[in-house]
Amino acid sequence: MKRLMMLVVMSLGVCNISFADTIEDVTKLNSLKQGATTSEDVIGTFGKPLRENHNPDGRFIYVYNCRLPDKDGPSNPPLVGEITFLFGPDHRFVRLSVYQDTDAPTR
C-alpha cells in the first residue's frame, strides 16, 4: 500500500499541466498589449483556458473565470464572472471582454 501511494504521488508530480484558476490580478490584465501579446503569452500568464472557441475566419477566443476587485476599493464586492480574450488569425491579442455573473454572491 505504501508503495502504491508513493507511485501515485510521484505520478502527480510528473503531471505539471497548468489549468486556469480564477483571474484576480488586474495588473496582469493591464500588462496585455493589443497586437503584441500572443495567445501563448496569455496561457503562460493565466494557464489553460476553461473553454476555447475557434471561428472559420481564423479568429478565436479563450474563456476564463474572473473575480476582480472593485475599482472603488476592497469594501465593495468584487466583480465575479468571465473574461474572454479575442485573438486574430495571427494569434495576436485583439481585445478582452468581461461578463459579470449576475447570480454570483456579493460577498
Protein backbone atom coordinates (compact mmCIF):
# COMPACT_ATOMS: atom_id res chain seq x y z
CA MET A 1 0.00 0.00 0.00
CA LYS A 2 2.82 2.38 0.87
CA ARG A 3 4.46 1.67 -2.50
CA LEU A 4 1.19 2.36 -4.34
CA MET A 5 0.73 5.68 -2.52
CA MET A 6 4.28 6.70 -3.37
CA LEU A 7 3.69 5.85 -7.04
CA VAL A 8 0.55 7.99 -7.11
CA VAL A 9 2.36 10.95 -5.53
CA MET A 10 5.27 10.60 -7.97
CA SER A 11 2.98 10.45 -10.99
CA LEU A 12 1.11 13.54 -9.81
CA GLY A 13 4.43 15.38 -9.64
CA VAL A 14 5.20 14.45 -13.26
CA CYS A 15 1.87 15.85 -14.48
CA ASN A 16 2.64 19.56 -14.46
CA ILE A 17 -0.25 20.80 -16.59
CA SER A 18 -1.37 24.30 -15.65
CA PHE A 19 -5.12 24.79 -15.77
CA ALA A 20 -6.76 28.16 -15.39
CA ASP A 21 -7.60 29.37 -11.97
CA THR A 22 -9.85 32.33 -11.45
CA ILE A 23 -8.22 35.52 -12.74
CA GLU A 24 -7.94 38.02 -9.89
CA ASP A 25 -4.87 40.07 -10.81
CA VAL A 26 -5.78 43.30 -12.61
CA THR A 27 -2.09 44.15 -13.02
CA LYS A 28 -1.60 41.08 -15.23
CA LEU A 29 -4.65 42.01 -17.29
CA ASN A 30 -3.34 45.54 -17.76
CA SER A 31 0.01 44.20 -18.96
CA LEU A 32 -1.55 42.67 -22.10
CA LYS A 33 -0.74 44.65 -25.26
CA GLN A 34 -3.02 44.69 -28.28
CA GLY A 35 -1.25 43.38 -31.35
CA ALA A 36 1.80 42.25 -29.36
CA THR A 37 0.64 39.75 -26.72
CA THR A 38 0.10 36.27 -28.18
CA SER A 39 -2.29 33.50 -27.21
CA GLU A 40 0.74 31.58 -25.91
CA ASP A 41 1.58 34.56 -23.66
CA VAL A 42 -1.94 34.51 -22.23
CA ILE A 43 -1.73 30.78 -21.48
CA GLY A 44 1.68 31.33 -19.89
CA THR A 45 0.21 34.07 -17.67
CA PHE A 46 -3.21 32.66 -16.78
CA GLY A 47 -2.96 28.92 -17.52
CA LYS A 48 -5.01 26.83 -19.91
CA PRO A 49 -8.41 28.45 -20.65
CA LEU A 50 -11.63 26.90 -19.43
CA ARG A 51 -13.01 26.98 -22.98
CA GLU A 52 -11.89 27.91 -26.49
CA ASN A 53 -14.00 28.89 -29.47
CA HIS A 54 -12.49 28.97 -32.97
CA ASN A 55 -14.21 30.83 -35.82
CA PRO A 56 -13.96 29.85 -39.51
CA ASP A 57 -12.19 33.16 -40.28
CA GLY A 58 -9.25 32.19 -38.02
CA ARG A 59 -10.17 34.36 -35.03
CA PHE A 60 -10.63 32.61 -31.69
CA ILE A 61 -11.39 33.29 -28.04
CA TYR A 62 -10.19 31.94 -24.72
CA VAL A 63 -12.62 31.99 -21.78
CA TYR A 64 -11.55 32.28 -18.12
CA ASN A 65 -13.39 32.78 -14.83
CA CYS A 66 -12.64 36.03 -13.03
CA ARG A 67 -13.04 37.61 -9.62
CA LEU A 68 -11.80 41.17 -9.94
CA PRO A 69 -11.56 43.68 -7.12
CA ASP A 70 -13.93 46.63 -7.27
CA LYS A 71 -12.19 49.77 -8.56
CA ASP A 72 -13.61 51.78 -5.63
CA GLY A 73 -11.91 49.62 -3.01
CA PRO A 74 -12.00 46.33 -1.13
CA SER A 75 -15.04 47.34 0.93
CA ASN A 76 -17.17 46.80 -2.19
CA PRO A 77 -17.95 43.33 -3.59
CA PRO A 78 -15.70 42.05 -6.40
CA LEU A 79 -16.82 41.58 -9.97
CA VAL A 80 -17.38 37.84 -10.48
CA GLY A 81 -17.87 36.46 -13.97
CA GLU A 82 -15.97 35.51 -17.11
CA ILE A 83 -13.28 37.14 -19.23
CA THR A 84 -12.94 36.41 -22.92
CA PHE A 85 -9.74 37.13 -24.83
CA LEU A 86 -10.14 37.60 -28.59
CA PHE A 87 -7.20 36.71 -30.86
CA GLY A 88 -6.74 37.26 -34.58
CA PRO A 89 -5.69 34.59 -37.08
CA ASP A 90 -2.06 35.56 -36.31
CA HIS A 91 -2.63 34.55 -32.64
CA ARG A 92 -2.18 38.18 -31.54
CA PHE A 93 -4.37 39.67 -28.80
CA VAL A 94 -7.17 41.90 -30.14
CA ARG A 95 -9.29 42.72 -27.06
CA LEU A 96 -10.84 41.36 -23.90
CA SER A 97 -14.41 41.47 -22.66
CA VAL A 98 -15.64 40.97 -19.10
CA TYR A 99 -19.07 39.49 -18.40
CA GLN A 100 -20.47 39.81 -14.89
CA ASP A 101 -22.24 36.82 -13.34
CA THR A 102 -25.46 38.36 -12.07
CA ASP A 103 -26.16 35.27 -9.93
CA ALA A 104 -22.82 35.43 -8.08
CA PRO A 105 -22.94 36.08 -4.33
CA THR A 106 -21.95 39.61 -3.40
CA ARG A 107 -19.57 38.51 -0.62
